[in-house]
Protein backbone atom coordinates (compact mmCIF):
# COMPACT_ATOMS: atom_id res chain seq x y z
CA UNK A 1 -109.96 -28.49 -56.07
CA UNK A 2 -113.81 -28.38 -54.99
CA UNK A 3 -116.62 -29.08 -56.83
CA UNK A 4 -118.69 -25.96 -56.90
CA UNK A 5 -122.20 -25.72 -56.79
CA UNK A 6 -124.33 -22.11 -57.06
CA UNK A 7 -128.06 -21.97 -56.01
CA UNK A 8 -129.72 -18.66 -57.59
CA UNK A 9 -133.20 -17.34 -57.36
CA UNK A 10 -134.74 -13.52 -57.28
CA UNK A 11 -133.41 -11.67 -54.60
CA UNK A 12 -131.58 -14.31 -52.16
CA UNK A 13 -133.55 -14.40 -49.17
CA UNK A 14 -135.83 -17.41 -49.20
CA UNK A 15 -135.45 -20.39 -51.84
CA UNK A 16 -131.86 -20.16 -53.05
CA UNK A 17 -130.52 -19.79 -49.11
CA UNK A 18 -133.00 -22.49 -48.61
CA UNK A 19 -131.28 -24.72 -50.69
CA UNK A 20 -128.10 -23.88 -49.99
CA UNK A 21 -128.98 -24.64 -45.87
CA UNK A 22 -130.37 -27.86 -46.88
CA UNK A 23 -127.61 -28.89 -49.72
CA UNK A 24 -124.59 -28.11 -47.25
CA UNK A 25 -125.95 -30.13 -44.50
CA UNK A 26 -126.60 -33.37 -46.95
CA UNK A 27 -123.22 -32.79 -48.21
CA UNK A 28 -121.84 -33.30 -44.44
CA UNK A 29 -123.86 -36.41 -43.76
CA UNK A 30 -123.01 -37.64 -47.27
CA UNK A 31 -119.11 -37.47 -46.13
CA UNK A 32 -118.79 -34.58 -49.21
CA UNK A 33 -118.57 -31.61 -47.46
CA UNK A 34 -114.77 -31.12 -48.12
CA UNK A 35 -114.87 -31.79 -51.62
CA UNK A 36 -118.33 -29.35 -52.81
CA UNK A 37 -118.59 -25.77 -51.79
CA UNK A 38 -121.66 -24.10 -52.28
CA UNK A 39 -122.68 -20.85 -52.41
CA UNK A 40 -125.94 -18.94 -53.25
CA UNK A 41 -126.84 -15.37 -54.90
CA UNK A 42 -129.87 -13.53 -56.40
CA UNK A 43 -129.97 -11.74 -59.82
CA UNK A 44 -131.61 -8.74 -57.93
CA UNK A 45 -129.40 -6.59 -55.83
CA UNK A 46 -131.80 -5.30 -53.74
CA UNK A 47 -131.45 -7.47 -50.22
CA UNK A 48 -127.67 -8.06 -50.93
CA UNK A 49 -126.17 -7.96 -47.21
CA UNK A 50 -129.41 -8.96 -45.55
CA UNK A 51 -130.39 -12.12 -44.03
CA UNK A 52 -132.63 -14.93 -45.01
CA UNK A 53 -136.28 -14.14 -44.84
CA UNK A 54 -137.84 -14.53 -41.44
CA UNK A 55 -140.21 -17.35 -42.81
CA UNK A 56 -137.70 -19.20 -44.54
CA UNK A 57 -135.41 -18.92 -41.38
CA UNK A 58 -138.35 -20.16 -39.24
CA UNK A 59 -139.30 -23.12 -41.06
CA UNK A 60 -135.62 -24.17 -41.51
CA UNK A 61 -135.01 -23.83 -37.53
CA UNK A 62 -138.39 -25.71 -37.18
CA UNK A 63 -136.66 -28.37 -39.27
CA UNK A 64 -133.25 -28.61 -37.08
CA UNK A 65 -131.04 -26.67 -39.56
CA UNK A 66 -129.28 -23.69 -38.65
CA UNK A 67 -129.80 -20.69 -41.12
CA UNK A 68 -128.45 -17.63 -39.32
CA UNK A 69 -125.00 -17.46 -41.56
CA UNK A 70 -126.99 -16.13 -44.65
CA UNK A 71 -126.44 -13.04 -45.89
CA UNK A 72 -127.77 -12.24 -49.54
CA UNK A 73 -125.50 -11.84 -52.38
CA UNK A 74 -125.81 -10.71 -55.86
CA UNK A 75 -125.20 -13.44 -58.82
CA UNK A 76 -122.98 -11.95 -61.52
CA UNK A 77 -120.38 -13.16 -64.42
CA UNK A 78 -117.17 -13.86 -62.02
CA UNK A 79 -119.50 -17.00 -61.09
CA UNK A 80 -119.46 -19.01 -64.40
CA UNK A 81 -115.80 -19.15 -63.75
CA UNK A 82 -115.65 -19.78 -60.32
CA UNK A 83 -118.02 -22.35 -60.08
CA UNK A 84 -118.85 -26.16 -62.17
CA UNK A 85 -122.71 -26.12 -61.68
CA UNK A 86 -125.31 -23.45 -61.87
CA UNK A 87 -128.94 -23.87 -60.31
CA UNK A 88 -131.68 -21.62 -61.20
CA UNK A 89 -134.49 -21.90 -59.12
CA UNK A 90 -136.98 -21.29 -61.88
CA UNK A 91 -136.89 -20.47 -65.63
CA UNK A 92 -137.31 -16.22 -65.34
CA UNK A 93 -133.77 -17.09 -62.97
CA UNK A 94 -132.48 -19.54 -65.24
CA UNK A 95 -132.95 -16.78 -68.64
CA UNK A 96 -131.34 -14.02 -66.59
CA UNK A 97 -128.11 -16.14 -66.00
CA UNK A 98 -127.98 -17.27 -69.67
CA UNK A 99 -128.11 -13.72 -70.47
CA UNK A 100 -125.31 -13.00 -68.34
CA UNK A 101 -123.27 -15.99 -69.69
CA UNK A 102 -119.91 -14.84 -71.14
CA UNK A 103 -119.46 -17.97 -73.46
CA UNK A 104 -121.98 -20.38 -74.71
CA UNK A 105 -120.14 -22.83 -72.91
CA UNK A 106 -120.91 -20.97 -69.71
CA UNK A 107 -124.75 -21.37 -70.48
CA UNK A 108 -123.97 -24.83 -70.26
CA UNK A 109 -123.20 -24.98 -66.84
CA UNK A 110 -127.24 -23.40 -66.02
CA UNK A 111 -129.41 -25.72 -64.94
CA UNK A 112 -132.79 -25.46 -63.09
CA UNK A 113 -132.57 -26.94 -59.48
CA UNK A 114 -135.42 -29.23 -60.06
CA UNK A 115 -134.04 -31.02 -62.84
CA UNK A 116 -132.81 -33.50 -60.13
CA UNK A 117 -135.98 -33.67 -58.50
CA UNK A 118 -138.04 -36.92 -59.02
CA UNK A 119 -140.95 -35.45 -59.11
CA UNK A 120 -140.70 -32.59 -61.40
CA UNK A 121 -142.55 -32.35 -64.39
CA UNK A 122 -142.37 -30.81 -67.74
CA UNK A 123 -145.14 -28.28 -66.45
CA UNK A 124 -143.85 -28.56 -62.68
CA UNK A 125 -140.14 -27.64 -62.77
CA UNK A 126 -140.02 -24.63 -60.33
CA UNK A 127 -138.94 -24.10 -57.35
CA UNK A 128 -142.14 -21.18 -56.81
CA UNK A 129 -141.46 -17.88 -54.89
CA UNK A 130 -143.21 -18.34 -51.51
CA UNK A 131 -142.26 -14.16 -50.75
CA UNK A 132 -145.71 -13.18 -51.50
CA UNK A 133 -147.71 -16.24 -49.83
CA UNK A 134 -148.42 -17.64 -46.71
CA UNK A 135 -146.11 -19.77 -43.94
CA UNK A 136 -147.48 -23.26 -46.18
CA UNK A 137 -145.70 -21.75 -48.91
CA UNK A 138 -142.29 -22.15 -47.05
CA UNK A 139 -143.03 -25.31 -45.52
CA UNK A 140 -143.72 -26.64 -49.62
CA UNK A 141 -140.58 -24.62 -50.42
CA UNK A 142 -138.63 -26.76 -47.84
CA UNK A 143 -139.94 -30.33 -48.66
CA UNK A 144 -139.72 -29.96 -52.55
CA UNK A 145 -135.78 -28.52 -52.04
CA UNK A 146 -134.89 -31.51 -49.35
CA UNK A 147 -136.15 -34.20 -51.98
CA UNK A 148 -133.85 -32.14 -54.56
CA UNK A 149 -131.66 -32.24 -52.71
CA UNK A 150 -131.30 -35.48 -51.65
CA UNK A 151 -131.08 -36.57 -55.43
CA UNK A 152 -128.17 -33.92 -56.21
CA UNK A 153 -126.30 -35.41 -53.46
CA UNK A 154 -126.93 -38.78 -54.87
CA UNK A 155 -125.88 -37.93 -58.44
CA UNK A 156 -122.75 -35.61 -57.43
CA UNK A 157 -120.08 -38.53 -57.97
CA UNK A 158 -121.54 -38.46 -61.36
CA UNK A 159 -121.16 -35.19 -61.99
CA UNK A 160 -118.13 -34.65 -60.49
CA UNK A 161 -116.51 -36.64 -63.21
CA UNK A 162 -118.38 -35.15 -66.20
C-alpha cells in the first residue's frame, strides 16, 4: 500500500498544486513514485475543476515541470482516512484542517509544509500566497517549495515507517 501525502492551500490553484507537481517530480527522481502517492486540494471550493493559476503554471513550465494535469479540488473529511500526511501551506489552512478533523489522532496528521524546509524559522514557516502579488512571488514560492520538497523526500523513508 502506498504512503499518501496531501498538500493543501486555500484555493488549490497556486501553492498546493505547485508543491504537488514538484513532489511528484522529486519522487520519480528518487525512485519512490510507486511507493508514494500525492494529492492536493484547497480548503475553499470556488476554483473546483479549474486548472492551475496561469502564473504558477508558467513558472513551473519555465523550470521544466509539467503543470497541465492539475484540476482544483476541495479538501474534506475523507482526506484524513485516505492520506497519511496532510501538509498545509500556511497557518490558516492548517487551522481549517484541524477544525475539520473528526478525531484528535487525525488532527495529528496535519503539519505545515515548511516543517520540512531547512530555511524555515519560527516567524517564517508559511508558504506565502502569491495570488495577489506579481510574478516574482510565484518564483519565490517555487524556490521555497523545491528546497522543502527535497528535504521531505530525503526524510520520507523515516516517515513511511513511523
